[in-house]
Protein backbone atom coordinates (compact mmCIF):
# COMPACT_ATOMS: atom_id res chain seq x y z
CA MET A 1 92.26 -36.45 95.36
CA SER A 2 89.17 -38.21 96.36
CA GLU A 3 87.01 -40.11 93.94
CA GLU A 4 83.67 -38.83 95.19
CA HIS A 5 82.68 -37.60 91.78
CA GLY A 6 83.95 -40.53 89.84
CA ASN A 7 82.24 -42.78 87.30
CA LEU A 8 79.17 -44.73 88.42
CA ILE A 9 79.91 -47.62 86.06
CA LYS A 10 83.10 -49.32 87.12
CA ASN A 11 83.01 -52.64 85.25
CA THR A 12 81.42 -54.33 82.23
CA LYS A 13 78.69 -56.00 84.30
CA GLN A 14 77.41 -52.63 85.48
CA LEU A 15 77.64 -51.29 81.91
CA SER A 16 75.60 -54.16 80.50
CA ILE A 17 72.93 -53.71 83.23
CA ALA A 18 72.74 -49.96 82.52
CA VAL A 19 72.36 -50.53 78.75
CA PHE A 20 69.74 -53.23 79.32
CA ALA A 21 67.75 -51.06 81.75
CA SER A 22 67.90 -47.94 79.56
CA PHE A 23 66.51 -49.91 76.61
CA PHE A 24 63.99 -52.33 78.12
CA ILE A 25 62.47 -50.30 80.96
CA PRO A 26 60.95 -47.71 78.55
CA LEU A 27 59.67 -50.60 76.38
CA VAL A 28 57.98 -52.18 79.40
CA ILE A 29 56.42 -48.85 80.38
CA ILE A 30 55.09 -48.32 76.83
CA PHE A 31 53.69 -51.85 76.76
CA LEU A 32 51.92 -51.36 80.11
CA LEU A 33 50.42 -48.06 78.87
CA ILE A 34 49.11 -49.79 75.74
CA VAL A 35 47.53 -52.54 77.85
CA TYR A 36 45.97 -49.94 80.17
CA VAL A 37 44.49 -47.88 77.34
CA SER A 38 43.18 -50.87 75.39
CA SER A 39 41.62 -52.48 78.47
CA GLY A 40 38.83 -49.88 78.49
CA LYS A 41 35.24 -50.69 77.63
CA LYS A 42 34.90 -53.80 75.54
CA THR A 43 31.80 -53.51 73.37
CA ASN A 44 29.69 -56.31 72.09
CA PRO A 45 29.47 -56.11 68.26
CA ASP A 46 25.66 -56.20 68.49
CA THR A 47 25.63 -53.36 71.01
CA SER A 48 28.02 -51.21 69.01
CA GLU A 49 25.90 -51.70 65.89
CA LYS A 50 22.77 -50.63 67.78
CA ALA A 51 24.61 -47.65 69.21
CA THR A 52 25.85 -46.67 65.76
CA LEU A 53 22.34 -46.90 64.32
CA ALA A 54 21.00 -44.79 67.17
CA LEU A 55 23.63 -42.13 66.49
CA ILE A 56 22.95 -41.94 62.75
CA LYS A 57 19.16 -42.22 62.83
CA PRO A 58 17.34 -39.46 60.97
CA VAL A 59 16.21 -36.47 63.00
CA GLY A 60 13.01 -36.05 61.04
CA GLN A 61 10.99 -37.92 58.49
CA LEU A 62 9.15 -36.82 55.43
CA ASN A 63 5.55 -37.94 55.33
CA PHE A 64 4.35 -38.10 51.76
CA ARG A 65 0.62 -38.43 51.33
CA ASP A 66 -1.87 -38.07 48.58
CA ALA A 67 -3.18 -34.51 48.73
CA SER A 68 -6.37 -35.49 46.92
CA ALA A 69 -7.16 -38.33 49.36
CA PRO A 70 -9.90 -37.69 51.91
CA ARG A 71 -8.47 -36.33 55.15
CA GLU A 72 -9.09 -38.29 58.34
CA ALA A 73 -9.51 -36.31 61.55
CA GLN A 74 -6.79 -36.84 64.13
CA SER A 75 -7.69 -37.85 67.66
CA GLY A 76 -7.33 -35.39 70.50
CA GLU A 77 -4.42 -37.41 71.84
CA ALA A 78 -2.61 -37.34 68.48
CA VAL A 79 -3.01 -33.56 68.19
CA TYR A 80 -1.88 -33.13 71.80
CA LYS A 81 1.27 -35.17 71.17
CA ALA A 82 2.05 -33.36 67.92
CA VAL A 83 1.27 -29.77 68.94
CA CYS A 84 0.65 -29.30 72.66
CA ALA A 85 2.94 -31.76 74.46
CA SER A 86 6.12 -29.72 74.05
CA CYS A 87 4.84 -27.11 76.53
CA HIS A 88 2.14 -28.89 78.53
CA ASN A 89 4.32 -31.89 79.48
CA SER A 90 6.92 -29.70 81.17
CA GLY A 91 4.82 -26.68 82.08
CA ALA A 92 7.00 -24.40 79.96
CA ALA A 93 6.17 -20.68 80.02
CA GLY A 94 3.47 -21.20 82.63
CA ALA A 95 1.49 -23.75 80.62
CA PRO A 96 -0.71 -25.94 82.86
CA LYS A 97 0.84 -29.41 83.06
CA PHE A 98 -0.83 -32.42 81.50
CA ALA A 99 -3.00 -34.42 83.94
CA VAL A 100 -2.21 -32.16 86.94
CA ALA A 101 -5.62 -31.17 88.29
CA SER A 102 -4.26 -28.37 90.51
CA THR A 103 -3.03 -26.43 87.47
CA TRP A 104 -6.25 -26.96 85.51
CA GLY A 105 -8.94 -26.44 88.20
CA GLY A 106 -9.77 -22.80 87.48
CA ARG A 107 -9.41 -23.21 83.74
CA ILE A 108 -11.76 -26.21 83.58
CA GLY A 109 -14.26 -24.22 85.66
CA THR A 110 -14.51 -21.60 82.89
CA GLY A 111 -15.93 -24.23 80.56
CA PHE A 112 -15.07 -25.74 77.21
CA ASP A 113 -15.96 -22.68 75.14
CA ALA A 114 -13.59 -20.43 77.09
CA LEU A 115 -10.75 -22.97 76.85
CA TYR A 116 -11.33 -23.44 73.14
CA ALA A 117 -11.40 -19.66 72.58
CA SER A 118 -8.10 -19.31 74.49
CA VAL A 119 -6.47 -21.89 72.25
CA MET A 120 -7.83 -20.38 69.03
CA LYS A 121 -6.82 -16.79 69.94
CA GLY A 122 -3.72 -17.60 71.97
CA LYS A 123 -3.11 -16.80 75.61
CA GLY A 124 0.03 -15.73 77.43
CA ALA A 125 3.03 -17.34 75.75
CA MET A 126 0.83 -19.77 73.77
CA PRO A 127 0.38 -18.68 70.14
CA ALA A 128 -2.98 -18.82 68.40
CA ARG A 129 -4.08 -22.37 67.59
CA GLY A 130 -1.25 -23.58 69.83
CA GLY A 131 1.12 -22.78 66.98
CA ALA A 132 -0.49 -25.28 64.60
CA SER A 133 -1.18 -24.37 61.00
CA PRO A 134 -4.82 -24.57 59.83
CA ALA A 135 -3.58 -26.68 56.92
CA ASP A 136 -2.21 -29.28 59.36
CA VAL A 137 -4.77 -29.26 62.19
CA SER A 138 -8.45 -28.39 61.74
CA ASP A 139 -10.56 -26.49 64.26
CA TYR A 140 -12.39 -29.73 65.06
CA GLU A 141 -9.10 -31.49 65.83
CA ILE A 142 -8.04 -28.63 68.09
CA ALA A 143 -11.36 -28.92 69.92
CA ARG A 144 -10.70 -32.64 70.40
CA ALA A 145 -7.23 -31.85 71.79
CA VAL A 146 -8.74 -29.30 74.23
CA VAL A 147 -11.19 -31.94 75.47
CA TYR A 148 -8.42 -34.55 75.77
CA LEU A 149 -6.13 -32.19 77.69
CA ALA A 150 -8.83 -30.88 80.04
CA ASN A 151 -10.30 -34.34 80.70
CA SER A 152 -6.84 -35.65 81.60
CA ALA A 153 -6.86 -33.26 84.55
CA GLY A 154 -10.37 -34.12 85.75
CA GLY A 155 -12.61 -32.25 83.31
CA LYS A 156 -15.82 -33.90 82.14
CA PHE A 157 -16.16 -32.38 78.69
CA ALA A 158 -17.95 -34.32 75.95
CA GLU A 159 -16.18 -35.06 72.70
CA PRO A 160 -17.08 -32.32 70.15
CA LYS A 161 -19.31 -33.29 67.26
CA ALA A 162 -17.63 -33.87 63.94
CA PRO A 163 -18.27 -31.19 61.32
CA ALA A 164 -20.82 -32.08 58.66
CA GLU A 165 -19.41 -33.36 55.41
CA LYS A 166 -19.55 -30.86 52.59
CA PRO A 167 -21.62 -32.20 49.71
CA ALA A 168 -19.68 -32.91 46.56
CA ALA A 169 -20.13 -30.40 43.80
CA ALA A 170 -22.57 -31.52 41.12
CA PRO A 171 -20.96 -32.28 37.79
CA ALA A 172 -21.40 -29.59 35.15
CA LYS A 173 -23.82 -30.39 32.30
């Protein structure tokens, strides 16, 4: 009989090498995997703190104000940023883009009154008043936003006149 299919380990030296290799080679592989995984991005503690704060920052803020305090009119730019920018910055739903004269040419040619009427009544996908509530944005502030938006694209509209102050009610006698 031939010994072709005999034992691979024939002496104690081969046995000790086989036991050593079967124990330590997996340990070395595990160690190298740990080193590989932990050698990823090293973050600076300051950077990770900033990143954490950016991830947990509030989505919105509550703005508490005195309801009895006199209301100051917002600028056209402020109203634009709060109400109009979401569509007019990107041109969503066919809205003419901010400061792009080619999209505003024909509209500016119709005049301020026509533009203002379009905003107040709504046009196309734009809701009436641009979606702003009358409690939040007055007609005067919307007019200022129309002038700001049209003038950004080359219009030459004058700033609308502020509404006259309502006289205070006389005290009862």
